[in-house]
Amino acid sequence: MPRLKQVLPGFTLSFAVALAATGLAVWLPQLGGATLAILLGIVLGNTLCRHPRLGAGTKLAESRLLEYSVVLLGLTVTFQTIAHMGWRGLVYVLLMMTTVICGAYLIGRRLGFGETMSLMFAGGNAVCGSSAIGAIAPAIGADDREKGETITLVNLLGTVMMLTLPFLGQAVFGRHILATSAMLGGTLQSVGQVVAGASLLSPQVVSYAMLFKITRIIMLVVVVTLFTQKVRRSQAAATAAAVGATPAATTTVATATEAADDGATTVAATAEAAAAIQAAAMTETAVVTPATPVADASVATVGDGPVADASVATVGDEPVAAASVATVGDEPAAAGAANAHVAGATAATRPAPAKAKRRLPVPWYVLGFLILCVLNSAVTLPPVWASGAHFVSTWFETTALAAIGLRLNFGNFMRQGRRFLAYGLSVGALQTVAALALLKLLAV
């Protein structure tokens, strides 16, 4: 119940913004509910709705709803879709996605953006906008700020392209419906933008454009898997480099220290050991104190407690056999042959390392998307399943985008304005030029 009270205000606000955006989309169909949701969320989140109590609910709406939206998309697509485009259409989609992913990633790194943000922007533009970013972000460990900024930038770029590409395609390809549809379906970011942009031309363009778009969505599983493996390799390489540098430095310092102190330590240890033996012979008791080596004592104490036999000492809470006991720093340790016993006792008392949890190669929601897509392809499901999944998925995505807008710090976003502008325009230009070139080359 306390958890519900904590998330309810922000979650309710996110849904209310999504509801308002969907209503406004009736009068502004060119923008669509998704784009209006994030824009309205940005305005409210940076003016009237900045209360900290809203944070928990907007975070829940942002993360979970996008994941559920990705899963439900699986009921709206089938692998049979690819057959309707022909091999040229499939090659066009694959080449476009490869070009956009590589180009957007390299441009982002060149402009100084991090690996995770560059990958999210590349995946969002290459696959399916916000849904793709929502799937990629947790898989590569991106933080909420990066995810919010990337989704905002992708949606703004998609809005600009949605209003310009239909007329560019018509001017270049004329009455060639398939080529115009391929240009829209192969470049525009979200499903809503594809539908809105294609609807500016004709219903037939909408149908064909969605074929190309759905093919890109099917490739989401592959993209997330590749991005996840890339980030893991980068992290493993960084860890290996850091670990490899540490032993070398430690060995150098230890060698220099031992060489400097070896002579003095040997003399001091010999004198102290002789004195300890003489005291033990007179009193039959030797006291082991920190930094005081002891040899061949009949009774010794480690810490505060006496030990009945010099051949028995304690390491931690466990007794170990020892011919003599010495100390290193503040910790008692066995000398000579007793090192083996001490090591054995320490190993026996040390807890076994926990087994690393095995992770799925892809996030659960991407796996769920793939399972539903395979099911939808193998079995003829009732049409209401697809329409219902599309309806719920759209509401989940719109609510999540509203939450992202509410959480976005517009001041921080604008401080990066020039870089974001350069990034968006560069990738948009890359997508447009690549689409025109590939469509001409493949004669789609």
Protein backbone atom coordinates (compact mmCIF):
# COMPACT_ATOMS: atom_id res chain seq x y z
CA MET A 1 0.00 0.00 0.00
CA PRO A 2 2.77 2.54 0.75
CA ARG A 3 4.32 1.65 -2.62
CA LEU A 4 1.01 2.31 -4.38
CA LYS A 5 0.66 5.70 -2.69
CA GLN A 6 4.19 6.52 -3.74
CA VAL A 7 3.75 5.79 -7.46
CA LEU A 8 0.10 6.73 -7.93
CA PRO A 9 0.47 10.55 -8.34
CA GLY A 10 3.15 10.41 -11.03
CA PHE A 11 1.60 7.45 -12.83
CA THR A 12 -1.83 9.10 -12.89
CA LEU A 13 -0.35 12.33 -14.21
CA SER A 14 1.45 10.43 -16.99
CA PHE A 15 -1.79 8.77 -18.05
CA ALA A 16 -3.65 12.10 -17.94
CA VAL A 17 -1.04 13.71 -20.20
CA ALA A 18 -1.31 10.75 -22.60
CA LEU A 19 -5.09 11.11 -22.62
CA ALA A 20 -4.85 14.82 -23.39
CA ALA A 21 -2.29 14.19 -26.15
CA THR A 22 -4.48 11.53 -27.76
CA GLY A 23 -7.39 13.98 -27.75
CA LEU A 24 -5.27 16.71 -29.33
CA ALA A 25 -4.11 14.27 -32.01
CA VAL A 26 -7.66 14.25 -33.40
CA TRP A 27 -7.11 17.88 -34.47
CA LEU A 28 -3.38 17.47 -35.16
CA PRO A 29 -3.10 14.07 -36.86
CA GLN A 30 0.15 15.04 -38.56
CA LEU A 31 1.91 15.10 -35.20
CA GLY A 32 0.20 12.08 -33.64
CA GLY A 33 -0.48 11.19 -30.02
CA ALA A 34 3.05 9.94 -29.26
CA THR A 35 4.81 13.13 -30.33
CA LEU A 36 2.21 15.34 -28.64
CA ALA A 37 2.53 13.32 -25.42
CA ILE A 38 6.25 13.87 -25.10
CA LEU A 39 5.99 17.57 -26.05
CA LEU A 40 3.13 18.19 -23.59
CA GLY A 41 5.03 16.26 -20.92
CA ILE A 42 8.13 18.43 -21.44
CA VAL A 43 6.10 21.62 -21.06
CA LEU A 44 4.32 20.48 -17.88
CA GLY A 45 7.34 18.76 -16.37
CA ASN A 46 9.43 21.91 -16.61
CA THR A 47 6.73 24.33 -15.42
CA LEU A 48 3.73 23.22 -13.36
CA CYS A 49 4.53 19.60 -12.52
CA ARG A 50 7.97 19.63 -10.93
CA HIS A 51 7.05 18.20 -7.52
CA PRO A 52 9.45 15.46 -6.26
CA ARG A 53 6.51 13.20 -5.26
CA LEU A 54 5.80 12.65 -8.95
CA GLY A 55 9.20 11.05 -9.59
CA ALA A 56 8.46 7.47 -8.53
CA GLY A 57 5.28 7.19 -10.61
CA THR A 58 6.72 8.76 -13.76
CA LYS A 59 9.77 6.51 -13.52
CA LEU A 60 7.54 3.41 -13.29
CA ALA A 61 5.45 4.55 -16.26
CA GLU A 62 8.57 5.34 -18.29
CA SER A 63 10.35 2.02 -17.76
CA ARG A 64 7.71 -0.69 -17.37
CA LEU A 65 5.13 0.49 -19.87
CA LEU A 66 7.64 0.73 -22.69
CA GLU A 67 8.75 -2.85 -21.98
CA TYR A 68 5.15 -4.13 -22.02
CA SER A 69 4.56 -2.18 -25.24
CA VAL A 70 7.48 -3.97 -26.92
CA VAL A 71 6.10 -7.38 -25.91
CA LEU A 72 2.63 -6.64 -27.29
CA LEU A 73 4.07 -5.55 -30.63
CA GLY A 74 4.78 -9.24 -31.26
CA LEU A 75 1.06 -9.89 -31.77
CA THR A 76 0.85 -7.26 -34.51
CA VAL A 77 3.57 -8.60 -36.86
CA THR A 78 4.35 -11.90 -38.62
CA PHE A 79 7.34 -13.27 -40.48
CA GLN A 80 5.12 -13.79 -43.53
CA THR A 81 5.18 -10.02 -43.94
CA ILE A 82 8.62 -10.22 -45.52
CA ALA A 83 7.33 -12.29 -48.45
CA HIS A 84 5.10 -9.46 -49.66
CA MET A 85 8.07 -7.13 -50.27
CA GLY A 86 10.21 -9.44 -52.40
CA TRP A 87 13.93 -9.97 -52.03
CA ARG A 88 14.79 -6.45 -53.18
CA GLY A 89 12.63 -4.94 -50.46
CA LEU A 90 14.23 -7.16 -47.84
CA VAL A 91 17.76 -6.30 -48.99
CA TYR A 92 16.81 -2.61 -48.98
CA VAL A 93 15.63 -2.81 -45.35
CA LEU A 94 18.75 -4.69 -44.20
CA LEU A 95 21.12 -2.29 -45.97
CA MET A 96 19.24 0.73 -44.65
CA MET A 97 19.34 -0.52 -41.09
CA THR A 98 23.06 -1.35 -41.33
CA THR A 99 23.86 2.05 -42.82
CA VAL A 100 21.84 3.97 -40.23
CA ILE A 101 23.20 2.01 -37.26
CA CYS A 102 26.84 2.33 -38.29
CA GLY A 103 26.49 5.92 -39.44
CA ALA A 104 24.52 7.17 -36.42
CA TYR A 105 26.90 5.44 -34.01
CA LEU A 106 30.02 6.87 -35.66
CA ILE A 107 28.52 10.37 -35.91
CA GLY A 108 27.51 10.27 -32.26
CA ARG A 109 30.96 9.21 -31.11
CA ARG A 110 32.52 11.84 -33.34
CA LEU A 111 30.36 14.53 -31.73
CA GLY A 112 31.42 13.42 -28.25
CA PHE A 113 28.38 11.39 -27.18
CA GLY A 114 28.93 8.25 -25.10
CA GLU A 115 28.67 4.69 -26.35
CA THR A 116 25.27 3.98 -24.80
CA MET A 117 23.63 7.15 -26.11
CA SER A 118 25.09 6.64 -29.59
CA LEU A 119 23.80 3.06 -29.66
CA MET A 120 20.32 4.11 -28.50
CA PHE A 121 20.09 6.86 -31.11
CA ALA A 122 21.32 4.46 -33.80
CA GLY A 123 18.82 1.77 -32.78
CA GLY A 124 15.93 4.20 -32.38
CA ASN A 125 16.37 5.58 -35.89
CA ALA A 126 17.10 2.22 -37.50
CA VAL A 127 14.29 0.16 -35.93
CA CYS A 128 11.18 1.69 -34.37
CA GLY A 129 11.85 4.88 -32.44
CA SER A 130 10.81 5.00 -28.78
CA SER A 131 9.98 1.29 -28.56
CA ALA A 132 13.44 0.33 -29.80
CA ILE A 133 15.13 2.72 -27.37
CA GLY A 134 12.98 1.37 -24.56
CA ALA A 135 14.20 -2.14 -25.44
CA ILE A 136 17.85 -1.20 -25.93
CA ALA A 137 18.36 1.10 -22.91
CA PRO A 138 18.17 -1.45 -20.06
CA ALA A 139 19.98 -4.08 -22.12
CA ILE A 140 23.08 -1.86 -22.44
CA GLY A 141 22.82 -0.23 -19.01
CA ALA A 142 21.87 3.30 -20.15
CA ASP A 143 20.66 5.70 -17.46
CA ASP A 144 17.28 7.43 -17.45
CA ARG A 145 18.68 10.82 -18.43
CA GLU A 146 20.34 9.47 -21.57
CA LYS A 147 17.26 7.48 -22.48
CA GLY A 148 14.95 10.48 -22.08
CA GLU A 149 17.16 12.79 -24.11
CA THR A 150 17.58 10.22 -26.88
CA ILE A 151 13.85 9.50 -27.13
CA THR A 152 13.10 13.22 -27.27
CA LEU A 153 15.67 13.80 -30.01
CA VAL A 154 14.48 10.80 -32.04
CA ASN A 155 10.85 11.92 -31.81
CA LEU A 156 11.67 15.49 -32.82
CA LEU A 157 13.72 14.27 -35.77
CA GLY A 158 10.97 11.84 -36.74
CA THR A 159 8.37 14.63 -36.68
CA VAL A 160 10.43 16.78 -39.05
CA MET A 161 11.03 13.86 -41.42
CA MET A 162 7.37 12.79 -41.23
CA LEU A 163 6.28 16.19 -42.57
CA THR A 164 8.91 16.40 -45.33
CA LEU A 165 9.71 12.89 -46.66
CA PRO A 166 6.25 12.15 -48.15
CA PHE A 167 6.50 15.12 -50.49
CA LEU A 168 10.18 14.44 -51.27
CA GLY A 169 9.33 10.84 -52.12
CA GLN A 170 6.46 11.88 -54.34
CA ALA A 171 8.66 14.43 -56.12
CA VAL A 172 11.44 11.89 -56.77
CA PHE A 173 9.44 8.71 -57.49
CA GLY A 174 6.23 10.18 -58.84
CA ARG A 175 3.51 7.51 -59.13
CA HIS A 176 5.81 4.67 -58.10
CA ILE A 177 3.89 3.72 -54.95
CA LEU A 178 6.20 0.91 -53.79
CA ALA A 179 9.33 3.07 -53.90
CA THR A 180 7.64 5.94 -52.07
CA SER A 181 6.27 3.51 -49.48
CA ALA A 182 9.73 1.94 -49.05
CA MET A 183 11.25 5.35 -48.43
CA LEU A 184 8.74 6.17 -45.70
CA GLY A 185 8.60 2.71 -44.14
CA GLY A 186 12.39 2.34 -44.23
CA THR A 187 13.28 5.68 -42.67
CA LEU A 188 10.60 7.09 -40.36
CA GLN A 189 11.17 6.20 -36.72
CA SER A 190 7.87 5.15 -35.12
CA VAL A 191 4.86 3.25 -36.42
CA GLY A 192 2.67 6.30 -35.78
CA GLN A 193 4.96 8.52 -37.83
CA VAL A 194 4.93 6.04 -40.72
CA VAL A 195 1.12 5.93 -40.71
CA ALA A 196 0.80 9.70 -40.34
CA GLY A 197 3.37 10.46 -43.05
CA ALA A 198 2.02 7.91 -45.53
CA SER A 199 -1.57 9.03 -44.92
CA LEU A 200 -0.62 12.40 -46.40
CA LEU A 201 -0.39 10.59 -49.76
CA SER A 202 -2.85 7.67 -49.97
CA PRO A 203 -4.20 4.63 -48.09
CA GLN A 204 -2.29 2.34 -50.46
CA VAL A 205 0.99 3.99 -49.50
CA VAL A 206 0.09 3.42 -45.84
CA SER A 207 -0.35 -0.33 -46.43
CA TYR A 208 2.94 -0.81 -48.29
CA ALA A 209 4.90 1.49 -45.99
CA MET A 210 3.78 -0.58 -43.01
CA LEU A 211 5.23 -3.72 -44.65
CA PHE A 212 8.69 -2.17 -44.62
CA LYS A 213 8.19 -0.80 -41.14
CA ILE A 214 7.10 -4.15 -39.70
CA THR A 215 10.15 -5.82 -41.21
CA ARG A 216 12.34 -3.36 -39.31
CA ILE A 217 10.44 -4.12 -36.10
CA ILE A 218 11.04 -7.85 -36.55
CA MET A 219 14.79 -7.11 -36.58
CA LEU A 220 14.56 -5.55 -33.10
CA VAL A 221 15.64 -8.80 -31.43
CA VAL A 222 18.79 -8.97 -33.54
CA VAL A 223 19.68 -5.34 -32.89
CA VAL A 224 19.24 -5.59 -29.11
CA THR A 225 21.32 -8.79 -29.00
CA LEU A 226 24.16 -7.26 -31.01
CA PHE A 227 24.18 -4.05 -28.96
CA THR A 228 24.16 -6.01 -25.70
CA GLN A 229 27.14 -8.13 -26.78
CA LYS A 230 29.03 -5.04 -27.94
CA VAL A 231 28.64 -3.27 -24.60
CA ARG A 232 29.62 -6.40 -22.67
CA ARG A 233 32.78 -6.76 -24.74
CA SER A 234 33.65 -3.11 -24.17
CA GLN A 235 33.15 -3.47 -20.42
CA ALA A 236 35.18 -6.69 -20.29
CA ALA A 237 38.04 -5.06 -22.21
CA ALA A 238 38.03 -2.04 -19.88
CA THR A 239 38.03 -4.28 -16.80
CA ALA A 240 40.86 -6.43 -18.15
CA ALA A 241 42.95 -3.34 -18.91
CA ALA A 242 42.41 -1.97 -15.39
CA VAL A 243 43.22 -5.29 -13.69
CA GLY A 244 46.27 -5.85 -15.86
CA ALA A 245 47.81 -2.53 -14.81
CA THR A 246 47.39 -3.12 -11.04
CA PRO A 247 49.63 -6.19 -10.41
CA ALA A 248 52.57 -4.63 -12.23
CA ALA A 249 52.49 -1.50 -10.07
CA THR A 250 51.99 -3.53 -6.89
CA THR A 251 54.88 -5.88 -7.68
CA THR A 252 57.24 -2.98 -8.34
CA VAL A 253 56.43 -1.27 -5.02
CA ALA A 254 56.59 -4.52 -3.04
CA THR A 255 59.98 -5.48 -4.52
CA ALA A 256 61.47 -2.10 -3.76
CA THR A 257 60.14 -2.16 -0.20
CA GLU A 258 61.38 -5.67 0.51
CA ALA A 259 64.82 -4.88 -0.86
CA ALA A 260 65.12 -1.80 1.32
CA ASP A 261 63.88 -3.42 4.52
CA ASP A 262 65.32 -6.92 4.19
CA GLY A 263 68.51 -6.37 6.14
CA ALA A 264 66.99 -4.46 9.04
CA THR A 265 64.07 -6.87 9.36
CA THR A 266 66.33 -9.92 9.55
CA VAL A 267 68.48 -8.48 12.34
CA ALA A 268 65.52 -7.24 14.36
CA ALA A 269 63.61 -10.50 14.02
CA THR A 270 66.61 -12.56 15.18
CA ALA A 271 67.16 -10.43 18.28
CA GLU A 272 63.48 -10.40 19.22
CA ALA A 273 63.15 -14.16 18.73
CA ALA A 274 66.13 -14.85 21.03
CA ALA A 275 64.66 -12.62 23.72
CA ALA A 276 61.28 -14.33 23.42
CA ILE A 277 62.82 -17.80 23.76
CA GLN A 278 64.70 -16.78 26.91
CA ALA A 279 61.52 -15.33 28.45
CA ALA A 280 59.54 -18.44 27.57
CA ALA A 281 62.09 -20.70 29.22
CA MET A 282 61.88 -18.75 32.51
CA THR A 283 58.13 -18.28 32.70
CA GLU A 284 56.84 -21.01 30.38
CA THR A 285 54.53 -18.37 28.98
CA ALA A 286 54.97 -16.17 25.97
CA VAL A 287 52.64 -13.39 24.99
CA VAL A 288 52.15 -12.68 21.34
CA THR A 289 51.37 -9.02 20.78
CA PRO A 290 50.95 -7.20 17.48
CA ALA A 291 54.21 -6.77 15.59
CA THR A 292 56.08 -9.15 18.06
CA PRO A 293 57.34 -12.38 16.42
CA VAL A 294 57.48 -15.42 18.74
CA ALA A 295 59.40 -18.67 18.24
CA ASP A 296 59.17 -22.00 20.05
CA ALA A 297 57.04 -20.95 23.03
CA SER A 298 55.29 -23.45 25.25
CA VAL A 299 52.26 -21.21 25.88
CA ALA A 300 51.20 -18.34 23.68
CA THR A 301 48.33 -15.93 23.52
CA VAL A 302 46.91 -14.43 20.37
CA GLY A 303 44.98 -11.24 21.00
CA ASP A 304 43.64 -11.49 24.58
CA GLY A 305 43.25 -15.24 25.08
CA PRO A 306 45.93 -17.75 26.14
CA VAL A 307 46.68 -20.77 24.01
CA ALA A 308 47.53 -23.95 25.87
CA ASP A 309 50.24 -25.14 23.54
CA ALA A 310 52.67 -23.25 21.41
CA SER A 311 51.92 -25.71 18.67
CA VAL A 312 48.36 -24.43 18.59
CA ALA A 313 47.40 -20.90 17.65
CA THR A 314 44.29 -19.30 16.26
CA VAL A 315 43.67 -17.56 12.96
CA GLY A 316 40.36 -15.75 13.04
CA ASP A 317 38.10 -18.05 15.08
CA GLU A 318 39.68 -21.36 14.05
CA PRO A 319 42.65 -23.13 15.77
CA VAL A 320 45.53 -24.09 13.55
CA ALA A 321 48.68 -26.11 14.25
CA ALA A 322 51.88 -24.09 14.25
CA ALA A 323 55.43 -24.68 15.40
CA SER A 324 55.78 -21.01 16.10
CA VAL A 325 53.71 -17.86 15.66
CA ALA A 326 54.77 -14.56 14.16
CA THR A 327 52.88 -11.42 13.29
CA VAL A 328 52.76 -9.34 10.09
CA GLY A 329 51.44 -5.87 10.72
CA ASP A 330 48.49 -6.30 13.10
CA GLU A 331 47.55 -9.85 12.10
CA PRO A 332 49.06 -13.07 13.57
CA ALA A 333 50.41 -15.53 11.05
CA ALA A 334 52.21 -18.86 11.25
CA ALA A 335 55.91 -18.99 10.46
CA GLY A 336 57.92 -21.61 8.63
CA ALA A 337 56.14 -24.89 7.97
CA ALA A 338 52.98 -23.63 9.70
CA ASN A 339 52.16 -21.46 6.69
CA ALA A 340 50.51 -24.45 5.07
CA HIS A 341 48.28 -25.02 8.11
CA VAL A 342 47.29 -21.36 8.29
CA ALA A 343 46.48 -21.29 4.61
CA GLY A 344 44.40 -24.44 4.97
CA ALA A 345 42.43 -23.06 7.90
CA THR A 346 41.83 -19.78 6.15
CA ALA A 347 40.60 -21.53 3.03
CA ALA A 348 38.35 -23.74 5.12
CA THR A 349 36.68 -20.81 6.86
CA ARG A 350 36.40 -18.58 3.78
CA PRO A 351 32.89 -18.76 2.24
CA ALA A 352 32.69 -20.24 -1.20
CA PRO A 353 32.25 -17.62 -3.93
CA ALA A 354 28.65 -17.25 -5.08
CA LYS A 355 27.91 -18.54 -8.53
CA ALA A 356 27.33 -15.79 -11.06
CA LYS A 357 23.73 -15.56 -12.19
CA ARG A 358 23.23 -16.59 -15.76
CA ARG A 359 21.67 -13.84 -17.83
CA LEU A 360 19.46 -14.22 -20.84
CA PRO A 361 21.18 -13.23 -24.10
CA VAL A 362 18.38 -10.68 -24.65
CA PRO A 363 16.07 -8.84 -22.21
CA TRP A 364 12.86 -10.59 -21.19
CA TYR A 365 10.60 -8.21 -23.10
CA VAL A 366 12.50 -8.72 -26.36
CA LEU A 367 12.23 -12.47 -25.86
CA GLY A 368 8.50 -12.02 -25.19
CA PHE A 369 8.19 -10.02 -28.42
CA LEU A 370 9.91 -12.80 -30.37
CA ILE A 371 7.75 -15.55 -28.83
CA LEU A 372 4.51 -13.73 -29.65
CA CYS A 373 5.78 -12.95 -33.15
CA VAL A 374 6.56 -16.64 -33.77
CA LEU A 375 3.16 -17.61 -32.35
CA ASN A 376 1.40 -15.09 -34.54
CA SER A 377 3.30 -16.38 -37.58
CA ALA A 378 2.67 -20.09 -36.89
CA VAL A 379 -0.96 -19.95 -35.76
CA THR A 380 -3.87 -17.98 -37.11
CA LEU A 381 -4.97 -15.92 -34.14
CA PRO A 382 -8.31 -14.13 -33.86
CA PRO A 383 -8.10 -10.64 -35.39
CA VAL A 384 -9.24 -9.15 -32.10
CA TRP A 385 -5.94 -10.26 -30.54
CA ALA A 386 -3.89 -8.16 -32.94
CA SER A 387 -6.21 -5.15 -32.74
CA GLY A 388 -6.39 -5.39 -28.95
CA ALA A 389 -2.62 -5.73 -28.62
CA HIS A 390 -2.12 -2.74 -30.90
CA PHE A 391 -4.57 -0.66 -28.89
CA VAL A 392 -3.03 -1.49 -25.51
CA SER A 393 0.55 -1.20 -26.83
CA THR A 394 -0.20 2.25 -28.26
CA TRP A 395 -1.60 3.44 -24.92
CA PHE A 396 1.36 2.02 -23.02
CA GLU A 397 3.80 3.74 -25.36
CA THR A 398 1.96 7.07 -25.28
CA THR A 399 1.79 7.04 -21.46
CA ALA A 400 5.48 6.13 -21.25
CA LEU A 401 6.40 8.97 -23.61
CA ALA A 402 4.35 11.39 -21.51
CA ALA A 403 6.31 10.22 -18.44
CA ILE A 404 9.60 10.68 -20.28
CA GLY A 405 8.60 14.24 -21.17
CA LEU A 406 7.63 14.94 -17.55
CA ARG A 407 11.01 13.67 -16.34
CA LEU A 408 13.13 15.44 -18.95
CA ASN A 409 15.12 18.41 -17.68
CA PHE A 410 14.69 20.73 -20.63
CA GLY A 411 17.38 23.11 -19.35
CA ASN A 412 20.01 20.36 -19.45
CA PHE A 413 18.75 19.24 -22.85
CA MET A 414 19.05 22.74 -24.33
CA ARG A 415 22.54 23.21 -22.89
CA GLN A 416 23.54 20.44 -25.28
CA GLY A 417 21.46 22.08 -28.00
CA ARG A 418 24.06 22.56 -30.70
CA ARG A 419 25.40 19.03 -30.42
CA PHE A 420 21.90 17.55 -30.38
CA LEU A 421 20.90 19.67 -33.36
CA ALA A 422 24.01 18.63 -35.30
CA TYR A 423 23.45 14.98 -34.38
CA GLY A 424 19.79 14.93 -35.40
CA LEU A 425 20.29 16.77 -38.68
CA SER A 426 23.32 14.66 -39.62
CA VAL A 427 21.53 11.36 -39.03
CA GLY A 428 18.37 12.61 -40.76
CA ALA A 429 20.40 13.61 -43.80
CA LEU A 430 22.18 10.25 -43.76
CA GLN A 431 18.87 8.36 -43.69
CA THR A 432 17.39 10.40 -46.54
CA VAL A 433 20.42 10.14 -48.84
CA ALA A 434 20.88 6.42 -48.11
CA ALA A 435 17.20 5.68 -48.82
CA LEU A 436 17.25 7.53 -52.15
CA ALA A 437 20.52 5.89 -53.22
CA LEU A 438 19.51 2.34 -52.26
CA LEU A 439 16.08 2.58 -53.85
CA LYS A 440 17.63 3.74 -57.12
CA LEU A 441 20.37 1.10 -56.92
CA LEU A 442 18.03 -1.82 -56.12
CA ALA A 443 15.20 -0.56 -58.36
CA VAL A 444 12.64 -1.33 -55.69
